[in-house]
Amino acid sequence: MMKKVCNILSGIVFIILLALAILMFVPNFIGYKGFAVISGSMEPKIPVGSIVYAKEAAFSDLEVGDVISYKINNDTMVTHRIYSIDEKKQTVVTKGDANEKVDTAEVKSNQIVGKVAMSIPLIGYITIYAKTPIGIIAICAIAAILILLNFLPDIFEKENKKEEETK
């Protein structure tokens, strides 16, 4: 009975981890880049903790209303909606859905990483916290739980056999 319960639990944990891995890594293999959303500037459409997937798009394919991801600097990505386009200067003005005013700096075409194709709520929290000490501990704990669920039935089975032999 213990073995069956442990197998079911480890199967559930494995399926959840596999689904998360598919959601987080497969889009990268088909040309999308994923970014975690850490501010509420695009709420309610894209809530904090979401992961957005952007695909490279030609500047000429961008339209007012499209949501894009772009680099402010090497460390900072922003995902906002296009408010206006200047074809001549090859720039766009963006605005977060939750912001009252447009962004002050124009975004140059070479800063644009891509047009956002989809977002998945909550998954971004995993990428945000996996890099922190607590996140690393949580990942190690999940791995330890999977290992324990695989070996726990054998340990209890050996103890039960020893008890039966002593009787």
N, C-alpha and C. Protein backbone atom coordinates (compact mmCIF):
# COMPACT_ATOMS: atom_id res chain seq x y z
N MET A 1 0.83 -1.20 0.00
CA MET A 1 0.00 0.00 0.00
C MET A 1 0.87 1.26 0.00
N MET A 2 1.91 1.26 0.84
CA MET A 2 2.81 2.41 0.93
C MET A 2 3.49 2.66 -0.41
N LYS A 3 3.88 1.60 -1.09
CA LYS A 3 4.55 1.74 -2.38
C LYS A 3 3.61 2.38 -3.40
N LYS A 4 2.35 1.98 -3.38
CA LYS A 4 1.37 2.51 -4.32
C LYS A 4 1.15 4.01 -4.09
N VAL A 5 1.01 4.41 -2.84
CA VAL A 5 0.82 5.83 -2.50
C VAL A 5 2.04 6.64 -2.93
N CYS A 6 3.23 6.15 -2.63
CA CYS A 6 4.45 6.87 -3.00
C CYS A 6 4.59 6.97 -4.52
N ASN A 7 4.24 5.91 -5.24
CA ASN A 7 4.31 5.94 -6.70
C ASN A 7 3.32 6.96 -7.27
N ILE A 8 2.14 7.02 -6.71
CA ILE A 8 1.14 7.99 -7.17
C ILE A 8 1.61 9.41 -6.90
N LEU A 9 2.10 9.66 -5.68
CA LEU A 9 2.59 10.99 -5.33
C LEU A 9 3.78 11.41 -6.19
N SER A 10 4.73 10.52 -6.39
CA SER A 10 5.89 10.87 -7.21
C SER A 10 5.47 11.07 -8.66
N GLY A 11 4.50 10.31 -9.13
CA GLY A 11 3.98 10.49 -10.49
C GLY A 11 3.33 11.86 -10.66
N ILE A 12 2.55 12.28 -9.67
CA ILE A 12 1.90 13.59 -9.72
C ILE A 12 2.94 14.71 -9.73
N VAL A 13 3.93 14.63 -8.83
CA VAL A 13 4.98 15.64 -8.77
C VAL A 13 5.75 15.68 -10.09
N PHE A 14 6.06 14.51 -10.63
CA PHE A 14 6.80 14.44 -11.89
C PHE A 14 6.00 15.06 -13.04
N ILE A 15 4.71 14.77 -13.12
CA ILE A 15 3.86 15.32 -14.18
C ILE A 15 3.78 16.85 -14.07
N ILE A 16 3.65 17.36 -12.85
CA ILE A 16 3.62 18.81 -12.65
C ILE A 16 4.94 19.43 -13.10
N LEU A 17 6.06 18.83 -12.70
CA LEU A 17 7.37 19.35 -13.10
C LEU A 17 7.57 19.28 -14.62
N LEU A 18 7.10 18.21 -15.21
CA LEU A 18 7.22 18.05 -16.67
C LEU A 18 6.38 19.12 -17.39
N ALA A 19 5.17 19.35 -16.91
CA ALA A 19 4.30 20.37 -17.52
C ALA A 19 4.93 21.76 -17.40
N LEU A 20 5.49 22.06 -16.23
CA LEU A 20 6.16 23.35 -16.05
C LEU A 20 7.37 23.48 -16.97
N ALA A 21 8.13 22.42 -17.09
CA ALA A 21 9.30 22.44 -17.98
C ALA A 21 8.88 22.67 -19.42
N ILE A 22 7.81 22.02 -19.84
CA ILE A 22 7.31 22.21 -21.20
C ILE A 22 6.87 23.66 -21.41
N LEU A 23 6.11 24.20 -20.47
CA LEU A 23 5.65 25.58 -20.58
C LEU A 23 6.80 26.59 -20.60
N MET A 24 7.86 26.28 -19.89
CA MET A 24 8.96 27.24 -19.76
C MET A 24 10.02 27.10 -20.85
N PHE A 25 10.25 25.89 -21.37
CA PHE A 25 11.37 25.70 -22.28
C PHE A 25 11.00 25.45 -23.73
N VAL A 26 9.90 24.79 -24.00
CA VAL A 26 9.54 24.47 -25.38
C VAL A 26 9.37 25.72 -26.24
N PRO A 27 8.71 26.78 -25.76
CA PRO A 27 8.60 27.98 -26.62
C PRO A 27 9.96 28.52 -27.08
N ASN A 28 10.99 28.39 -26.27
CA ASN A 28 12.33 28.84 -26.67
C ASN A 28 12.84 28.09 -27.89
N PHE A 29 12.49 26.82 -28.00
CA PHE A 29 12.96 26.01 -29.12
C PHE A 29 12.25 26.34 -30.42
N ILE A 30 11.10 27.01 -30.34
CA ILE A 30 10.36 27.34 -31.56
C ILE A 30 10.37 28.85 -31.84
N GLY A 31 11.39 29.53 -31.31
CA GLY A 31 11.62 30.91 -31.66
C GLY A 31 11.06 31.98 -30.75
N TYR A 32 10.48 31.60 -29.64
CA TYR A 32 9.94 32.59 -28.70
C TYR A 32 10.95 32.83 -27.57
N LYS A 33 10.93 34.04 -27.04
CA LYS A 33 11.75 34.36 -25.88
C LYS A 33 10.80 34.66 -24.72
N GLY A 34 11.07 34.06 -23.58
CA GLY A 34 10.20 34.23 -22.42
C GLY A 34 10.76 35.23 -21.42
N PHE A 35 9.85 36.03 -20.87
CA PHE A 35 10.24 37.03 -19.87
C PHE A 35 9.23 37.02 -18.74
N ALA A 36 9.73 37.07 -17.52
CA ALA A 36 8.85 37.15 -16.35
C ALA A 36 8.41 38.60 -16.16
N VAL A 37 7.16 38.78 -15.80
CA VAL A 37 6.60 40.11 -15.56
C VAL A 37 6.72 40.42 -14.07
N ILE A 38 7.43 41.52 -13.75
CA ILE A 38 7.67 41.84 -12.35
C ILE A 38 6.98 43.13 -11.90
N SER A 39 6.26 43.78 -12.81
CA SER A 39 5.53 44.98 -12.40
C SER A 39 4.09 44.89 -12.89
N GLY A 40 3.24 45.71 -12.32
CA GLY A 40 1.83 45.68 -12.65
C GLY A 40 1.42 46.63 -13.76
N SER A 41 2.37 47.09 -14.56
CA SER A 41 2.06 48.10 -15.58
C SER A 41 1.15 47.58 -16.69
N MET A 42 1.05 46.28 -16.87
CA MET A 42 0.19 45.72 -17.93
C MET A 42 -1.06 45.03 -17.37
N GLU A 43 -1.32 45.22 -16.09
CA GLU A 43 -2.51 44.59 -15.51
C GLU A 43 -3.77 45.29 -16.00
N PRO A 44 -4.87 44.62 -16.10
CA PRO A 44 -5.13 43.23 -15.71
C PRO A 44 -4.82 42.22 -16.81
N LYS A 45 -4.54 42.67 -18.03
CA LYS A 45 -4.31 41.73 -19.14
C LYS A 45 -3.13 40.81 -18.86
N ILE A 46 -2.03 41.38 -18.36
CA ILE A 46 -0.84 40.58 -18.05
C ILE A 46 -0.46 40.87 -16.60
N PRO A 47 -0.88 40.02 -15.67
CA PRO A 47 -0.62 40.28 -14.25
C PRO A 47 0.84 40.01 -13.84
N VAL A 48 1.23 40.60 -12.73
CA VAL A 48 2.55 40.34 -12.15
C VAL A 48 2.69 38.83 -11.93
N GLY A 49 3.86 38.31 -12.21
CA GLY A 49 4.11 36.88 -12.04
C GLY A 49 3.82 36.06 -13.28
N SER A 50 3.35 36.72 -14.33
CA SER A 50 3.12 36.01 -15.59
C SER A 50 4.45 35.83 -16.31
N ILE A 51 4.44 34.95 -17.28
CA ILE A 51 5.57 34.86 -18.20
C ILE A 51 5.00 35.20 -19.57
N VAL A 52 5.68 36.10 -20.28
CA VAL A 52 5.24 36.47 -21.62
C VAL A 52 6.21 35.86 -22.63
N TYR A 53 5.68 35.47 -23.77
CA TYR A 53 6.50 34.92 -24.84
C TYR A 53 6.42 35.85 -26.04
N ALA A 54 7.58 36.38 -26.43
CA ALA A 54 7.66 37.30 -27.55
C ALA A 54 8.41 36.64 -28.70
N LYS A 55 7.94 36.91 -29.91
CA LYS A 55 8.60 36.39 -31.11
C LYS A 55 9.06 37.56 -31.95
N GLU A 56 10.27 37.43 -32.46
CA GLU A 56 10.84 38.49 -33.28
C GLU A 56 9.89 38.85 -34.41
N ALA A 57 9.75 40.14 -34.66
CA ALA A 57 8.88 40.62 -35.73
C ALA A 57 9.56 41.79 -36.42
N ALA A 58 9.37 41.89 -37.72
CA ALA A 58 9.91 43.02 -38.46
C ALA A 58 9.23 44.30 -37.99
N PHE A 59 9.96 45.41 -38.00
CA PHE A 59 9.40 46.68 -37.55
C PHE A 59 8.15 47.03 -38.38
N SER A 60 8.18 46.72 -39.65
CA SER A 60 7.05 47.03 -40.53
C SER A 60 5.80 46.23 -40.18
N ASP A 61 5.96 45.13 -39.45
CA ASP A 61 4.81 44.29 -39.06
C ASP A 61 4.16 44.75 -37.76
N LEU A 62 4.80 45.68 -37.06
CA LEU A 62 4.25 46.16 -35.79
C LEU A 62 3.12 47.16 -36.06
N GLU A 63 2.11 47.09 -35.18
CA GLU A 63 0.96 47.98 -35.30
C GLU A 63 0.63 48.59 -33.94
N VAL A 64 -0.02 49.74 -33.98
CA VAL A 64 -0.50 50.36 -32.74
C VAL A 64 -1.43 49.34 -32.07
N GLY A 65 -1.23 49.14 -30.78
CA GLY A 65 -2.04 48.18 -30.02
C GLY A 65 -1.33 46.86 -29.76
N ASP A 66 -0.27 46.57 -30.54
CA ASP A 66 0.49 45.35 -30.30
C ASP A 66 1.24 45.47 -28.97
N VAL A 67 1.40 44.36 -28.29
CA VAL A 67 2.20 44.32 -27.07
C VAL A 67 3.57 43.81 -27.47
N ILE A 68 4.60 44.56 -27.06
CA ILE A 68 5.98 44.19 -27.41
C ILE A 68 6.84 44.10 -26.15
N SER A 69 7.92 43.36 -26.28
CA SER A 69 8.94 43.33 -25.23
C SER A 69 10.18 43.99 -25.81
N TYR A 70 10.80 44.87 -25.02
CA TYR A 70 11.98 45.58 -25.50
C TYR A 70 12.97 45.79 -24.36
N LYS A 71 14.23 46.01 -24.77
CA LYS A 71 15.31 46.21 -23.81
C LYS A 71 15.45 47.69 -23.49
N ILE A 72 15.52 47.99 -22.21
CA ILE A 72 15.89 49.34 -21.78
C ILE A 72 17.41 49.41 -21.66
N ASN A 73 17.98 48.35 -21.08
CA ASN A 73 19.43 48.19 -20.98
C ASN A 73 19.71 46.69 -20.94
N ASN A 74 20.93 46.29 -20.70
CA ASN A 74 21.28 44.86 -20.73
C ASN A 74 20.54 44.04 -19.69
N ASP A 75 20.15 44.66 -18.58
CA ASP A 75 19.52 43.92 -17.49
C ASP A 75 18.01 44.07 -17.42
N THR A 76 17.44 45.01 -18.16
CA THR A 76 16.03 45.32 -17.98
C THR A 76 15.23 45.17 -19.26
N MET A 77 14.18 44.35 -19.17
CA MET A 77 13.23 44.17 -20.26
C MET A 77 11.91 44.79 -19.84
N VAL A 78 11.19 45.33 -20.79
CA VAL A 78 9.87 45.91 -20.53
C VAL A 78 8.90 45.33 -21.53
N THR A 79 7.69 45.05 -21.07
CA THR A 79 6.61 44.61 -21.96
C THR A 79 5.49 45.61 -21.84
N HIS A 80 5.27 46.37 -22.93
CA HIS A 80 4.21 47.38 -22.97
C HIS A 80 3.53 47.36 -24.33
N ARG A 81 2.42 48.07 -24.40
CA ARG A 81 1.63 48.15 -25.63
C ARG A 81 2.11 49.33 -26.48
N ILE A 82 2.12 49.15 -27.79
CA ILE A 82 2.51 50.24 -28.69
C ILE A 82 1.38 51.28 -28.73
N TYR A 83 1.75 52.51 -28.44
CA TYR A 83 0.80 53.62 -28.43
C TYR A 83 0.85 54.39 -29.76
N SER A 84 2.07 54.55 -30.29
CA SER A 84 2.22 55.19 -31.60
C SER A 84 3.50 54.71 -32.26
N ILE A 85 3.54 54.84 -33.58
CA ILE A 85 4.70 54.39 -34.36
C ILE A 85 5.18 55.55 -35.24
N ASP A 86 6.49 55.74 -35.26
CA ASP A 86 7.09 56.72 -36.16
C ASP A 86 7.94 55.94 -37.17
N GLU A 87 7.37 55.71 -38.34
CA GLU A 87 8.04 54.91 -39.38
C GLU A 87 9.35 55.57 -39.82
N LYS A 88 9.34 56.90 -39.91
CA LYS A 88 10.51 57.63 -40.39
C LYS A 88 11.71 57.45 -39.46
N LYS A 89 11.48 57.63 -38.15
CA LYS A 89 12.54 57.50 -37.16
C LYS A 89 12.75 56.05 -36.71
N GLN A 90 11.85 55.15 -37.13
CA GLN A 90 11.91 53.74 -36.73
C GLN A 90 11.86 53.61 -35.21
N THR A 91 10.90 54.32 -34.61
CA THR A 91 10.70 54.26 -33.16
C THR A 91 9.22 54.06 -32.86
N VAL A 92 8.97 53.60 -31.64
CA VAL A 92 7.59 53.49 -31.15
C VAL A 92 7.51 54.15 -29.79
N VAL A 93 6.32 54.60 -29.47
CA VAL A 93 6.03 55.09 -28.12
C VAL A 93 5.14 54.02 -27.50
N THR A 94 5.45 53.65 -26.26
CA THR A 94 4.70 52.59 -25.59
C THR A 94 4.00 53.12 -24.35
N LYS A 95 3.11 52.27 -23.85
CA LYS A 95 2.36 52.63 -22.65
C LYS A 95 1.91 51.34 -21.98
N GLY A 96 2.10 51.26 -20.70
CA GLY A 96 1.56 50.13 -19.95
C GLY A 96 0.06 50.30 -19.81
N ASP A 97 -0.69 49.22 -19.91
CA ASP A 97 -2.16 49.29 -19.83
C ASP A 97 -2.63 49.93 -18.53
N ALA A 98 -1.92 49.70 -17.45
CA ALA A 98 -2.33 50.24 -16.15
C ALA A 98 -1.77 51.64 -15.89
N ASN A 99 -0.93 52.12 -16.78
CA ASN A 99 -0.33 53.45 -16.60
C ASN A 99 -1.24 54.52 -17.20
N GLU A 100 -1.26 55.68 -16.57
CA GLU A 100 -2.08 56.77 -17.08
C GLU A 100 -1.42 57.49 -18.25
N LYS A 101 -0.10 57.56 -18.25
CA LYS A 101 0.62 58.30 -19.28
C LYS A 101 1.49 57.36 -20.10
N VAL A 102 1.82 57.83 -21.32
CA VAL A 102 2.71 57.06 -22.18
C VAL A 102 4.12 57.09 -21.58
N ASP A 103 4.94 56.14 -21.98
CA ASP A 103 6.33 56.10 -21.53
C ASP A 103 7.08 57.29 -22.10
N THR A 104 7.98 57.87 -21.34
CA THR A 104 8.66 59.10 -21.76
C THR A 104 9.69 58.86 -22.87
N ALA A 105 10.37 57.74 -22.84
CA ALA A 105 11.41 57.48 -23.84
C ALA A 105 10.84 56.69 -25.02
N GLU A 106 11.21 57.13 -26.22
CA GLU A 106 10.83 56.37 -27.41
C GLU A 106 11.67 55.09 -27.46
N VAL A 107 11.09 54.07 -28.05
CA VAL A 107 11.78 52.78 -28.18
C VAL A 107 12.26 52.65 -29.62
N LYS A 108 13.57 52.48 -29.78
CA LYS A 108 14.15 52.31 -31.12
C LYS A 108 13.91 50.89 -31.61
N SER A 109 13.86 50.73 -32.92
CA SER A 109 13.58 49.42 -33.49
C SER A 109 14.59 48.36 -33.05
N ASN A 110 15.87 48.75 -32.85
CA ASN A 110 16.87 47.77 -32.43
C ASN A 110 16.74 47.35 -30.97
N GLN A 111 15.90 48.05 -30.19
CA GLN A 111 15.65 47.67 -28.80
C GLN A 111 14.55 46.61 -28.69
N ILE A 112 13.73 46.51 -29.73
CA ILE A 112 12.56 45.63 -29.68
C ILE A 112 13.00 44.18 -29.85
N VAL A 113 12.65 43.36 -28.86
CA VAL A 113 12.99 41.94 -28.89
C VAL A 113 11.94 41.17 -29.68
N GLY A 114 10.67 41.56 -29.52
CA GLY A 114 9.63 40.88 -30.27
C GLY A 114 8.24 41.28 -29.86
N LYS A 115 7.29 40.77 -30.63
CA LYS A 115 5.88 41.00 -30.37
C LYS A 115 5.38 39.87 -29.46
N VAL A 116 4.68 40.23 -28.42
CA VAL A 116 4.20 39.24 -27.45
C VAL A 116 3.06 38.43 -28.08
N ALA A 117 3.24 37.12 -28.08
CA ALA A 117 2.25 36.23 -28.67
C ALA A 117 1.31 35.65 -27.61
N MET A 118 1.85 35.44 -26.41
CA MET A 118 1.01 34.86 -25.35
C MET A 118 1.63 35.14 -23.99
N SER A 119 0.81 35.00 -22.97
CA SER A 119 1.30 35.11 -21.60
C SER A 119 0.62 34.04 -20.76
N ILE A 120 1.35 33.55 -19.78
CA ILE A 120 0.82 32.53 -18.88
C ILE A 120 0.95 33.06 -17.46
N PRO A 121 -0.18 33.26 -16.77
CA PRO A 121 -0.13 33.78 -15.40
C PRO A 121 0.61 32.83 -14.45
N LEU A 122 1.25 33.42 -13.46
CA LEU A 122 1.90 32.74 -12.33
C LEU A 122 3.20 32.01 -12.65
N ILE A 123 3.40 31.55 -13.86
CA ILE A 123 4.59 30.77 -14.20
C ILE A 123 5.86 31.62 -14.06
N GLY A 124 5.74 32.91 -14.28
CA GLY A 124 6.89 33.79 -14.16
C GLY A 124 7.48 33.81 -12.76
N TYR A 125 6.64 33.58 -11.75
CA TYR A 125 7.16 33.54 -10.38
C TYR A 125 8.23 32.47 -10.23
N ILE A 126 8.08 31.37 -10.95
CA ILE A 126 9.07 30.30 -10.86
C ILE A 126 10.42 30.80 -11.36
N THR A 127 10.43 31.48 -12.50
CA THR A 127 11.71 31.97 -13.03
C THR A 127 12.27 33.10 -12.18
N ILE A 128 11.39 33.89 -11.57
CA ILE A 128 11.86 34.98 -10.71
C ILE A 128 12.52 34.43 -9.45
N TYR A 129 11.85 33.47 -8.78
CA TYR A 129 12.33 32.99 -7.49
C TYR A 129 13.32 31.84 -7.58
N ALA A 130 13.40 31.19 -8.73
CA ALA A 130 14.35 30.07 -8.86
C ALA A 130 15.79 30.53 -8.73
N LYS A 131 16.03 31.80 -8.94
CA LYS A 131 17.39 32.35 -8.88
C LYS A 131 17.76 32.86 -7.50
N THR A 132 16.81 32.82 -6.57
CA THR A 132 17.07 33.31 -5.22
C THR A 132 17.49 32.15 -4.32
N PRO A 133 18.11 32.43 -3.17
CA PRO A 133 18.49 31.34 -2.25
C PRO A 133 17.28 30.49 -1.83
N ILE A 134 16.15 31.13 -1.56
CA ILE A 134 14.96 30.37 -1.15
C ILE A 134 14.48 29.49 -2.30
N GLY A 135 14.55 30.02 -3.52
CA GLY A 135 14.15 29.24 -4.69
C GLY A 135 15.03 28.03 -4.91
N ILE A 136 16.32 28.21 -4.71
CA ILE A 136 17.26 27.09 -4.86
C ILE A 136 16.98 26.03 -3.80
N ILE A 137 16.69 26.46 -2.58
CA ILE A 137 16.34 25.52 -1.51
C ILE A 137 15.05 24.77 -1.87
N ALA A 138 14.07 25.49 -2.42
CA ALA A 138 12.80 24.85 -2.80
C ALA A 138 13.02 23.81 -3.89
N ILE A 139 13.85 24.12 -4.87
CA ILE A 139 14.15 23.17 -5.94
C ILE A 139 14.84 21.93 -5.37
N CYS A 140 15.78 22.14 -4.47
CA CYS A 140 16.46 21.01 -3.82
C CYS A 140 15.49 20.18 -2.99
N ALA A 141 14.56 20.85 -2.32
CA ALA A 141 13.57 20.14 -1.50
C ALA A 141 12.66 19.29 -2.38
N ILE A 142 12.26 19.81 -3.53
CA ILE A 142 11.41 19.03 -4.45
C ILE A 142 12.17 17.81 -4.95
N ALA A 143 13.45 18.01 -5.28
CA ALA A 143 14.26 16.87 -5.72
C ALA A 143 14.39 15.83 -4.61
N ALA A 144 14.59 16.30 -3.38
CA ALA A 144 14.71 15.37 -2.24
C ALA A 144 13.40 14.61 -2.02
N ILE A 145 12.28 15.30 -2.17
CA ILE A 145 10.97 14.65 -2.01
C ILE A 145 10.80 13.56 -3.06
N LEU A 146 11.16 13.85 -4.31
CA LEU A 146 11.05 12.83 -5.36
C LEU A 146 11.92 11.62 -5.05
N ILE A 147 13.13 11.87 -4.57
CA ILE A 147 14.02 10.76 -4.22
C ILE A 147 13.45 9.95 -3.06
N LEU A 148 12.96 10.66 -2.04
CA LEU A 148 12.36 9.96 -0.89
C LEU A 148 11.15 9.13 -1.30
N LEU A 149 10.31 9.68 -2.16
CA LEU A 149 9.12 8.95 -2.59
C LEU A 149 9.49 7.68 -3.35
N ASN A 150 10.65 7.68 -3.99
CA ASN A 150 11.10 6.48 -4.70
C ASN A 150 11.69 5.43 -3.76
N PHE A 151 12.38 5.87 -2.71
CA PHE A 151 13.08 4.93 -1.84
C PHE A 151 12.33 4.59 -0.55
N LEU A 152 11.38 5.42 -0.16
CA LEU A 152 10.63 5.20 1.08
C LEU A 152 9.94 3.84 1.14
N PRO A 153 9.25 3.40 0.09
CA PRO A 153 8.59 2.09 0.17
C PRO A 153 9.57 0.95 0.42
N ASP A 154 10.75 1.01 -0.21
CA ASP A 154 11.75 -0.05 -0.01
C ASP A 154 12.25 -0.07 1.43
N ILE A 155 12.45 1.11 2.00
CA ILE A 155 12.91 1.20 3.38
C ILE A 155 11.89 0.59 4.32
N PHE A 156 10.61 0.97 4.14
CA PHE A 156 9.56 0.43 5.02
C PHE A 156 9.37 -1.07 4.79
N GLU A 157 9.53 -1.52 3.57
CA GLU A 157 9.38 -2.94 3.26
C GLU A 157 10.45 -3.76 3.98
N LYS A 158 11.68 -3.25 3.99
CA LYS A 158 12.78 -3.93 4.68
C LYS A 158 12.52 -3.98 6.19
N GLU A 159 12.01 -2.87 6.76
CA GLU A 159 11.72 -2.84 8.19
C GLU A 159 10.59 -3.81 8.53
N ASN A 160 9.58 -3.92 7.68
CA ASN A 160 8.48 -4.85 7.91
C ASN A 160 8.97 -6.29 7.86
N LYS A 161 9.88 -6.58 6.94
CA LYS A 161 10.43 -7.94 6.84
C LYS A 161 11.23 -8.29 8.09
N LYS A 162 12.03 -7.32 8.58
CA LYS A 162 12.81 -7.54 9.79
C LYS A 162 11.90 -7.80 10.99
N GLU A 163 10.79 -7.05 11.08
CA GLU A 163 9.84 -7.25 12.17
C GLU A 163 9.19 -8.63 12.08
N GLU A 164 8.87 -9.07 10.88
CA GLU A 164 8.25 -10.39 10.69
C GLU A 164 9.24 -11.49 11.03
N GLU A 165 10.51 -11.30 10.68
CA GLU A 165 11.52 -12.32 10.97
C GLU A 165 11.76 -12.46 12.48
N THR A 166 11.68 -11.36 13.22
CA THR A 166 11.91 -11.41 14.66
C THR A 166 10.73 -12.06 15.39
N LYS A 167 9.57 -12.07 14.77
CA LYS A 167 8.39 -12.67 15.41
C LYS A 167 8.46 -14.13 15.22
